[in-house]
Amino acid sequence: MASTTPPDRPPPPPPPPSGASREEWREWRRTTRRYYRRGWGWAPFWGIVLIVVGGYYLLKDLGYLYWVQADVLWPILLIALGVWILVQRMSSGD
């Protein structure tokens, strides 16, 4: 059975020539950011969420988190997630 190899990833976009406008440089930075972020998506985020939730329940069952109540923890986590998403969107410029 023949195995197929995935195609090589194309090189990152070349920078604009000298004398390029500010908007051309901004677009190049956006394109470069997208190039290096491609492939990650939300996968690391969901992995981290699963680890945190599993760790929380493990420590709660072992009695180490008797002082943390889930009815207070979940709203705090949701607010932190919302702030994180806003910061990410504002910093990426998309």
Protein backbone atom coordinates (compact mmCIF):
# COMPACT_ATOMS: atom_id res chain seq x y z
CA MET A 1 0.00 0.00 0.00
CA ALA A 2 1.43 3.33 -1.02
CA SER A 3 1.59 6.01 1.61
CA THR A 4 0.93 9.58 0.69
CA THR A 5 2.88 12.35 2.32
CA PRO A 6 1.14 15.61 3.13
CA PRO A 7 2.13 18.53 0.93
CA ASP A 8 4.82 20.80 2.29
CA ARG A 9 3.67 23.98 3.92
CA PRO A 10 4.19 27.03 1.72
CA PRO A 11 6.72 29.59 2.95
CA PRO A 12 5.52 32.61 4.94
CA PRO A 13 4.57 35.69 2.94
CA PRO A 14 7.50 37.89 1.92
CA PRO A 15 7.69 41.37 3.48
CA PRO A 16 6.60 44.31 1.35
CA PRO A 17 9.27 46.17 -0.60
CA SER A 18 10.98 49.19 0.88
CA GLY A 19 8.86 52.27 0.52
CA ALA A 20 5.63 50.33 1.03
CA SER A 21 2.74 52.11 2.66
CA ARG A 22 1.76 51.66 6.28
CA GLU A 23 -1.37 49.76 5.22
CA GLU A 24 0.74 47.28 3.20
CA TRP A 25 2.91 46.63 6.26
CA ARG A 26 -0.15 46.16 8.45
CA GLU A 27 -1.65 43.68 5.99
CA TRP A 28 1.66 41.81 5.83
CA ARG A 29 1.74 41.57 9.65
CA ARG A 30 -1.86 40.27 9.71
CA THR A 31 -1.09 37.72 7.01
CA THR A 32 2.07 36.61 8.77
CA ARG A 33 0.19 36.21 12.08
CA ARG A 34 -2.48 34.12 10.37
CA TYR A 35 0.23 32.02 8.71
CA TYR A 36 1.90 31.13 12.00
CA ARG A 37 -1.40 30.59 13.85
CA ARG A 38 -2.79 28.28 11.19
CA GLY A 39 -3.33 24.75 12.40
CA TRP A 40 -3.70 25.54 16.08
CA GLY A 41 -7.28 26.77 16.15
CA TRP A 42 -9.06 26.10 19.42
CA ALA A 43 -7.31 22.78 20.07
CA PRO A 44 -4.96 24.04 22.81
CA PHE A 45 -7.79 25.94 24.45
CA TRP A 46 -10.07 22.90 24.76
CA GLY A 47 -7.19 20.77 25.99
CA ILE A 48 -6.46 23.29 28.71
CA VAL A 49 -10.15 23.47 29.63
CA LEU A 50 -10.32 19.69 30.03
CA ILE A 51 -7.18 19.64 32.17
CA VAL A 52 -8.47 22.44 34.42
CA VAL A 53 -11.91 20.87 34.84
CA GLY A 54 -10.43 17.43 35.52
CA GLY A 55 -7.90 18.87 37.96
CA TYR A 56 -10.63 20.79 39.75
CA TYR A 57 -12.79 17.71 40.27
CA LEU A 58 -9.80 15.57 41.28
CA LEU A 59 -8.64 18.08 43.89
CA LYS A 60 -12.23 18.60 45.08
CA ASP A 61 -12.69 14.81 45.56
CA LEU A 62 -9.39 14.58 47.43
CA GLY A 63 -10.53 17.32 49.80
CA TYR A 64 -7.95 19.92 48.85
CA LEU A 65 -10.50 22.39 47.48
CA TYR A 66 -13.09 22.30 50.25
CA TRP A 67 -13.03 26.11 50.34
CA VAL A 68 -13.86 26.51 46.61
CA GLN A 69 -17.53 26.34 45.67
CA ALA A 70 -18.50 25.54 42.08
CA ASP A 71 -21.39 28.03 42.10
CA VAL A 72 -18.84 30.82 42.55
CA LEU A 73 -16.03 29.31 40.44
CA TRP A 74 -17.94 28.88 37.15
CA PRO A 75 -19.08 32.51 36.78
CA ILE A 76 -15.53 33.67 37.50
CA LEU A 77 -14.18 31.31 34.84
CA LEU A 78 -16.77 32.50 32.31
CA ILE A 79 -15.91 36.15 32.99
CA ALA A 80 -12.18 35.36 32.67
CA LEU A 81 -12.84 33.54 29.38
CA GLY A 82 -14.76 36.54 28.04
CA VAL A 83 -11.98 38.94 29.01
CA TRP A 84 -9.38 36.65 27.43
CA ILE A 85 -11.34 36.47 24.14
CA LEU A 86 -11.75 40.26 24.07
CA VAL A 87 -8.04 40.83 24.69
CA GLN A 88 -7.12 38.32 21.98
CA ARG A 89 -9.44 39.95 19.44
CA MET A 90 -8.25 43.45 20.23
CA SER A 91 -4.57 42.52 20.11
CA SER A 92 -4.83 40.59 16.83
CA GLY A 93 -6.37 43.53 14.98
CA ASP A 94 -8.82 41.31 13.08
